[in-house]
Amino acid sequence: FPIVETHPDPETTQDLRLLNPWPEL
């Protein structure tokens, strides 16, 4: 029984990618 929208704590969903930024960042 898969669930996509699990609604975790908002803080855990933030992915800033500071250690491996893409060129635009």
PDB file of all heavy atoms in Angstrom:
ATOM      1  N   PHE A   1       0.855  -1.189   0.000  1.00  0.00           N
ATOM      2  CA  PHE A   1       0.000   0.000   0.000  1.00  0.00           C
ATOM      3  C   PHE A   1       0.894   1.244   0.000  1.00  0.00           C
ATOM      4  O   PHE A   1       1.308   1.726   1.049  1.00  0.00           O
ATOM      5  CB  PHE A   1      -0.907  -0.014   1.239  1.00  0.00           C
ATOM      6  CG  PHE A   1      -1.996   1.030   1.218  1.00  0.00           C
ATOM      7  CD1 PHE A   1      -3.108   0.871   0.413  1.00  0.00           C
ATOM      8  CD2 PHE A   1      -1.899   2.166   2.008  1.00  0.00           C
ATOM      9  CE1 PHE A   1      -4.121   1.817   0.408  1.00  0.00           C
ATOM     10  CE2 PHE A   1      -2.899   3.117   2.008  1.00  0.00           C
ATOM     11  CZ  PHE A   1      -4.015   2.944   1.211  1.00  0.00           C
ATOM     12  N   PRO A   2       1.238   1.773  -1.196  1.00  0.00           N
ATOM     13  CA  PRO A   2       2.161   2.912  -1.260  1.00  0.00           C
ATOM     14  C   PRO A   2       1.485   4.245  -0.967  1.00  0.00           C
ATOM     15  O   PRO A   2       0.319   4.449  -1.301  1.00  0.00           O
ATOM     16  CB  PRO A   2       2.660   2.858  -2.704  1.00  0.00           C
ATOM     17  CG  PRO A   2       1.561   2.203  -3.470  1.00  0.00           C
ATOM     18  CD  PRO A   2       0.884   1.252  -2.514  1.00  0.00           C
ATOM     19  N   ILE A   3       2.232   5.139  -0.331  1.00  0.00           N
ATOM     20  CA  ILE A   3       1.747   6.490  -0.036  1.00  0.00           C
ATOM     21  C   ILE A   3       2.819   7.478  -0.475  1.00  0.00           C
ATOM     22  O   ILE A   3       3.973   7.374  -0.062  1.00  0.00           O
ATOM     23  CB  ILE A   3       1.457   6.674   1.463  1.00  0.00           C
ATOM     24  CG1 ILE A   3       0.457   5.627   1.949  1.00  0.00           C
ATOM     25  CG2 ILE A   3       0.909   8.072   1.742  1.00  0.00           C
ATOM     26  CD1 ILE A   3       0.324   5.562   3.434  1.00  0.00           C
ATOM     27  N   VAL A   4       2.429   8.429  -1.299  1.00  0.00           N
ATOM     28  CA  VAL A   4       3.365   9.444  -1.776  1.00  0.00           C
ATOM     29  C   VAL A   4       3.371  10.653  -0.854  1.00  0.00           C
ATOM     30  O   VAL A   4       4.414  11.108  -0.390  1.00  0.00           O
ATOM     31  CB  VAL A   4       3.019   9.867  -3.223  1.00  0.00           C
ATOM     32  CG1 VAL A   4       3.921  11.017  -3.671  1.00  0.00           C
ATOM     33  CG2 VAL A   4       3.152   8.682  -4.167  1.00  0.00           C
ATOM     34  N   GLU A   5       2.187  11.190  -0.562  1.00  0.00           N
ATOM     35  CA  GLU A   5       2.089  12.410   0.251  1.00  0.00           C
ATOM     36  C   GLU A   5       1.969  12.038   1.725  1.00  0.00           C
ATOM     37  O   GLU A   5       0.885  11.984   2.291  1.00  0.00           O
ATOM     38  CB  GLU A   5       0.904  13.255  -0.216  1.00  0.00           C
ATOM     39  CG  GLU A   5       1.034  13.732  -1.656  1.00  0.00           C
ATOM     40  CD  GLU A   5      -0.126  14.587  -2.094  1.00  0.00           C
ATOM     41  OE1 GLU A   5      -0.201  15.773  -1.692  1.00  0.00           O
ATOM     42  OE2 GLU A   5      -0.971  14.080  -2.850  1.00  0.00           O
ATOM     43  N   THR A   6       3.117  11.789   2.348  1.00  0.00           N
ATOM     44  CA  THR A   6       3.127  11.379   3.751  1.00  0.00           C
ATOM     45  C   THR A   6       3.094  12.563   4.713  1.00  0.00           C
ATOM     46  O   THR A   6       2.935  12.374   5.914  1.00  0.00           O
ATOM     47  CB  THR A   6       4.375  10.533   4.043  1.00  0.00           C
ATOM     48  OG1 THR A   6       5.539  11.264   3.641  1.00  0.00           O
ATOM     49  CG2 THR A   6       4.329   9.219   3.274  1.00  0.00           C
ATOM     50  N   HIS A   7       3.257  13.783   4.217  1.00  0.00           N
ATOM     51  CA  HIS A   7       3.220  15.004   5.022  1.00  0.00           C
ATOM     52  C   HIS A   7       4.172  14.956   6.221  1.00  0.00           C
ATOM     53  O   HIS A   7       3.750  15.068   7.375  1.00  0.00           O
ATOM     54  CB  HIS A   7       1.796  15.279   5.521  1.00  0.00           C
ATOM     55  CG  HIS A   7       0.820  15.609   4.425  1.00  0.00           C
ATOM     56  ND1 HIS A   7       0.597  16.897   3.998  1.00  0.00           N
ATOM     57  CD2 HIS A   7       0.038  14.821   3.657  1.00  0.00           C
ATOM     58  CE1 HIS A   7      -0.307  16.886   3.022  1.00  0.00           C
ATOM     59  NE2 HIS A   7      -0.648  15.624   2.791  1.00  0.00           N
ATOM     60  N   PRO A   8       5.460  14.798   5.983  1.00  0.00           N
ATOM     61  CA  PRO A   8       6.418  14.813   7.095  1.00  0.00           C
ATOM     62  C   PRO A   8       6.586  16.223   7.642  1.00  0.00           C
ATOM     63  O   PRO A   8       6.020  17.192   7.104  1.00  0.00           O
ATOM     64  CB  PRO A   8       7.710  14.328   6.442  1.00  0.00           C
ATOM     65  CG  PRO A   8       7.585  14.777   5.026  1.00  0.00           C
ATOM     66  CD  PRO A   8       6.128  14.657   4.682  1.00  0.00           C
ATOM     67  N   ASP A   9       7.360  16.361   8.700  1.00  0.00           N
ATOM     68  CA  ASP A   9       7.686  17.678   9.248  1.00  0.00           C
ATOM     69  C   ASP A   9       8.295  18.526   8.135  1.00  0.00           C
ATOM     70  O   ASP A   9       9.227  18.093   7.457  1.00  0.00           O
ATOM     71  CB  ASP A   9       8.693  17.510  10.394  1.00  0.00           C
ATOM     72  CG  ASP A   9       8.961  18.815  11.135  1.00  0.00           C
ATOM     73  OD1 ASP A   9       9.053  19.857  10.463  1.00  0.00           O
ATOM     74  OD2 ASP A   9       9.104  18.786  12.361  1.00  0.00           O
ATOM     75  N   PRO A  10       7.767  19.749   7.918  1.00  0.00           N
ATOM     76  CA  PRO A  10       8.269  20.600   6.820  1.00  0.00           C
ATOM     77  C   PRO A  10       9.781  20.770   6.820  1.00  0.00           C
ATOM     78  O   PRO A  10      10.402  20.856   5.760  1.00  0.00           O
ATOM     79  CB  PRO A  10       7.560  21.943   7.055  1.00  0.00           C
ATOM     80  CG  PRO A  10       6.299  21.575   7.767  1.00  0.00           C
ATOM     81  CD  PRO A  10       6.657  20.404   8.632  1.00  0.00           C
ATOM     82  N   GLU A  11      10.393  20.812   8.015  1.00  0.00           N
ATOM     83  CA  GLU A  11      11.835  21.007   8.069  1.00  0.00           C
ATOM     84  C   GLU A  11      12.595  19.846   7.434  1.00  0.00           C
ATOM     85  O   GLU A  11      13.678  20.024   6.884  1.00  0.00           O
ATOM     86  CB  GLU A  11      12.296  21.196   9.523  1.00  0.00           C
ATOM     87  CG  GLU A  11      11.958  22.563  10.105  1.00  0.00           C
ATOM     88  CD  GLU A  11      12.684  22.823  11.410  1.00  0.00           C
ATOM     89  OE1 GLU A  11      13.507  21.972  11.801  1.00  0.00           O
ATOM     90  OE2 GLU A  11      12.433  23.869  12.027  1.00  0.00           O
ATOM     91  N   THR A  12      12.013  18.655   7.484  1.00  0.00           N
ATOM     92  CA  THR A  12      12.704  17.492   6.931  1.00  0.00           C
ATOM     93  C   THR A  12      12.590  17.416   5.417  1.00  0.00           C
ATOM     94  O   THR A  12      13.284  16.620   4.778  1.00  0.00           O
ATOM     95  CB  THR A  12      12.150  16.187   7.536  1.00  0.00           C
ATOM     96  OG1 THR A  12      10.787  16.013   7.111  1.00  0.00           O
ATOM     97  CG2 THR A  12      12.200  16.219   9.050  1.00  0.00           C
ATOM     98  N   THR A  13      11.707  18.220   4.829  1.00  0.00           N
ATOM     99  CA  THR A  13      11.526  18.175   3.374  1.00  0.00           C
ATOM    100  C   THR A  13      12.424  19.167   2.648  1.00  0.00           C
ATOM    101  O   THR A  13      12.495  19.144   1.423  1.00  0.00           O
ATOM    102  CB  THR A  13      10.061  18.481   3.002  1.00  0.00           C
ATOM    103  OG1 THR A  13       9.738  19.826   3.391  1.00  0.00           O
ATOM    104  CG2 THR A  13       9.110  17.520   3.692  1.00  0.00           C
ATOM    105  N   GLN A  14      13.089  20.036   3.383  1.00  0.00           N
ATOM    106  CA  GLN A  14      13.919  21.061   2.740  1.00  0.00           C
ATOM    107  C   GLN A  14      15.276  20.481   2.352  1.00  0.00           C
ATOM    108  O   GLN A  14      15.974  19.905   3.176  1.00  0.00           O
ATOM    109  CB  GLN A  14      14.083  22.253   3.682  1.00  0.00           C
ATOM    110  CG  GLN A  14      12.785  23.014   3.904  1.00  0.00           C
ATOM    111  CD  GLN A  14      12.837  23.904   5.123  1.00  0.00           C
ATOM    112  OE1 GLN A  14      13.874  24.034   5.761  1.00  0.00           O
ATOM    113  NE2 GLN A  14      11.723  24.535   5.455  1.00  0.00           N
ATOM    114  N   ASP A  15      15.597  20.621   1.092  1.00  0.00           N
ATOM    115  CA  ASP A  15      16.856  20.124   0.561  1.00  0.00           C
ATOM    116  C   ASP A  15      17.558  21.297  -0.121  1.00  0.00           C
ATOM    117  O   ASP A  15      17.242  21.647  -1.252  1.00  0.00           O
ATOM    118  CB  ASP A  15      16.581  18.999  -0.437  1.00  0.00           C
ATOM    119  CG  ASP A  15      17.863  18.336  -0.926  1.00  0.00           C
ATOM    120  OD1 ASP A  15      18.950  18.756  -0.476  1.00  0.00           O
ATOM    121  OD2 ASP A  15      17.768  17.415  -1.744  1.00  0.00           O
ATOM    122  N   LEU A  16      18.517  21.917   0.593  1.00  0.00           N
ATOM    123  CA  LEU A  16      19.158  23.128   0.082  1.00  0.00           C
ATOM    124  C   LEU A  16      20.331  22.822  -0.848  1.00  0.00           C
ATOM    125  O   LEU A  16      20.782  23.721  -1.569  1.00  0.00           O
ATOM    126  CB  LEU A  16      19.624  24.001   1.258  1.00  0.00           C
ATOM    127  CG  LEU A  16      18.519  24.463   2.211  1.00  0.00           C
ATOM    128  CD1 LEU A  16      19.106  25.302   3.339  1.00  0.00           C
ATOM    129  CD2 LEU A  16      17.460  25.257   1.468  1.00  0.00           C
ATOM    130  N   ARG A  17      20.847  21.597  -0.834  1.00  0.00           N
ATOM    131  CA  ARG A  17      21.939  21.166  -1.709  1.00  0.00           C
ATOM    132  C   ARG A  17      23.177  22.064  -1.608  1.00  0.00           C
ATOM    133  O   ARG A  17      23.799  22.413  -2.614  1.00  0.00           O
ATOM    134  CB  ARG A  17      21.471  21.118  -3.166  1.00  0.00           C
ATOM    135  CG  ARG A  17      20.370  20.141  -3.446  1.00  0.00           C
ATOM    136  CD  ARG A  17      20.898  18.717  -3.556  1.00  0.00           C
ATOM    137  NE  ARG A  17      19.790  17.780  -3.568  1.00  0.00           N
ATOM    138  CZ  ARG A  17      19.138  17.418  -4.677  1.00  0.00           C
ATOM    139  NH1 ARG A  17      19.504  17.899  -5.835  1.00  0.00           N
ATOM    140  NH2 ARG A  17      18.149  16.557  -4.585  1.00  0.00           N
ATOM    141  N   LEU A  18      23.522  22.467  -0.406  1.00  0.00           N
ATOM    142  CA  LEU A  18      24.658  23.379  -0.228  1.00  0.00           C
ATOM    143  C   LEU A  18      25.993  22.679  -0.464  1.00  0.00           C
ATOM    144  O   LEU A  18      26.975  23.323  -0.849  1.00  0.00           O
ATOM    145  CB  LEU A  18      24.625  23.985   1.174  1.00  0.00           C
ATOM    146  CG  LEU A  18      23.375  24.823   1.501  1.00  0.00           C
ATOM    147  CD1 LEU A  18      23.453  25.350   2.923  1.00  0.00           C
ATOM    148  CD2 LEU A  18      23.221  25.974   0.516  1.00  0.00           C
ATOM    149  N   LEU A  19      26.065  21.380  -0.243  1.00  0.00           N
ATOM    150  CA  LEU A  19      27.331  20.663  -0.426  1.00  0.00           C
ATOM    151  C   LEU A  19      27.549  20.221  -1.873  1.00  0.00           C
ATOM    152  O   LEU A  19      28.671  19.907  -2.265  1.00  0.00           O
ATOM    153  CB  LEU A  19      27.387  19.447   0.500  1.00  0.00           C
ATOM    154  CG  LEU A  19      27.410  19.751   1.999  1.00  0.00           C
ATOM    155  CD1 LEU A  19      27.576  18.474   2.801  1.00  0.00           C
ATOM    156  CD2 LEU A  19      28.504  20.748   2.347  1.00  0.00           C
ATOM    157  N   ASN A  20      26.465  20.140  -2.649  1.00  0.00           N
ATOM    158  CA  ASN A  20      26.613  19.800  -4.071  1.00  0.00           C
ATOM    159  C   ASN A  20      25.679  20.677  -4.906  1.00  0.00           C
ATOM    160  O   ASN A  20      24.726  20.198  -5.508  1.00  0.00           O
ATOM    161  CB  ASN A  20      26.342  18.313  -4.316  1.00  0.00           C
ATOM    162  CG  ASN A  20      25.046  17.848  -3.687  1.00  0.00           C
ATOM    163  OD1 ASN A  20      24.418  18.572  -2.918  1.00  0.00           O
ATOM    164  ND2 ASN A  20      24.629  16.642  -4.013  1.00  0.00           N
ATOM    165  N   PRO A  21      25.960  21.994  -4.936  1.00  0.00           N
ATOM    166  CA  PRO A  21      25.075  22.920  -5.646  1.00  0.00           C
ATOM    167  C   PRO A  21      25.165  22.745  -7.163  1.00  0.00           C
ATOM    168  O   PRO A  21      26.199  22.339  -7.693  1.00  0.00           O
ATOM    169  CB  PRO A  21      25.609  24.292  -5.216  1.00  0.00           C
ATOM    170  CG  PRO A  21      27.049  24.050  -4.898  1.00  0.00           C
ATOM    171  CD  PRO A  21      27.111  22.677  -4.320  1.00  0.00           C
ATOM    172  N   TRP A  22      24.086  23.007  -7.866  1.00  0.00           N
ATOM    173  CA  TRP A  22      24.081  23.007  -9.324  1.00  0.00           C
ATOM    174  C   TRP A  22      24.601  24.371  -9.805  1.00  0.00           C
ATOM    175  O   TRP A  22      24.709  25.320  -9.007  1.00  0.00           O
ATOM    176  CB  TRP A  22      22.681  22.691  -9.849  1.00  0.00           C
ATOM    177  CG  TRP A  22      21.604  23.648  -9.406  1.00  0.00           C
ATOM    178  CD1 TRP A  22      21.087  24.701 -10.104  1.00  0.00           C
ATOM    179  CD2 TRP A  22      20.898  23.626  -8.148  1.00  0.00           C
ATOM    180  NE1 TRP A  22      20.110  25.338  -9.387  1.00  0.00           N
ATOM    181  CE2 TRP A  22      19.975  24.704  -8.181  1.00  0.00           C
ATOM    182  CE3 TRP A  22      20.960  22.816  -6.998  1.00  0.00           C
ATOM    183  CZ2 TRP A  22      19.120  24.992  -7.114  1.00  0.00           C
ATOM    184  CZ3 TRP A  22      20.107  23.111  -5.937  1.00  0.00           C
ATOM    185  CH2 TRP A  22      19.203  24.176  -6.004  1.00  0.00           C
ATOM    186  N   PRO A  23      24.939  24.512 -11.048  1.00  0.00           N
ATOM    187  CA  PRO A  23      25.597  25.732 -11.529  1.00  0.00           C
ATOM    188  C   PRO A  23      24.847  27.026 -11.205  1.00  0.00           C
ATOM    189  O   PRO A  23      25.466  28.010 -10.819  1.00  0.00           O
ATOM    190  CB  PRO A  23      25.683  25.508 -13.043  1.00  0.00           C
ATOM    191  CG  PRO A  23      25.746  24.026 -13.189  1.00  0.00           C
ATOM    192  CD  PRO A  23      24.873  23.477 -12.100  1.00  0.00           C
ATOM    193  N   GLU A  24      23.526  27.029 -11.355  1.00  0.00           N
ATOM    194  CA  GLU A  24      22.769  28.252 -11.095  1.00  0.00           C
ATOM    195  C   GLU A  24      22.832  28.661  -9.624  1.00  0.00           C
ATOM    196  O   GLU A  24      22.880  29.857  -9.311  1.00  0.00           O
ATOM    197  CB  GLU A  24      21.303  28.072 -11.509  1.00  0.00           C
ATOM    198  CG  GLU A  24      21.064  27.946 -12.996  1.00  0.00           C
ATOM    199  CD  GLU A  24      21.294  26.545 -13.530  1.00  0.00           C
ATOM    200  OE1 GLU A  24      21.701  25.653 -12.732  1.00  0.00           O
ATOM    201  OE2 GLU A  24      21.080  26.334 -14.732  1.00  0.00           O
ATOM    202  N   LEU A  25      22.839  27.664  -8.720  1.00  0.00           N
ATOM    203  CA  LEU A  25      22.946  27.994  -7.299  1.00  0.00           C
ATOM    204  C   LEU A  25      24.351  28.484  -6.977  1.00  0.00           C
ATOM    205  O   LEU A  25      24.526  29.427  -6.188  1.00  0.00           O
ATOM    206  CB  LEU A  25      22.596  26.774  -6.444  1.00  0.00           C
ATOM    207  CG  LEU A  25      22.610  27.001  -4.922  1.00  0.00           C
ATOM    208  CD1 LEU A  25      21.642  28.102  -4.520  1.00  0.00           C
ATOM    209  CD2 LEU A  25      22.284  25.710  -4.174  1.00  0.00           C
TER     210      LEU A  25
END
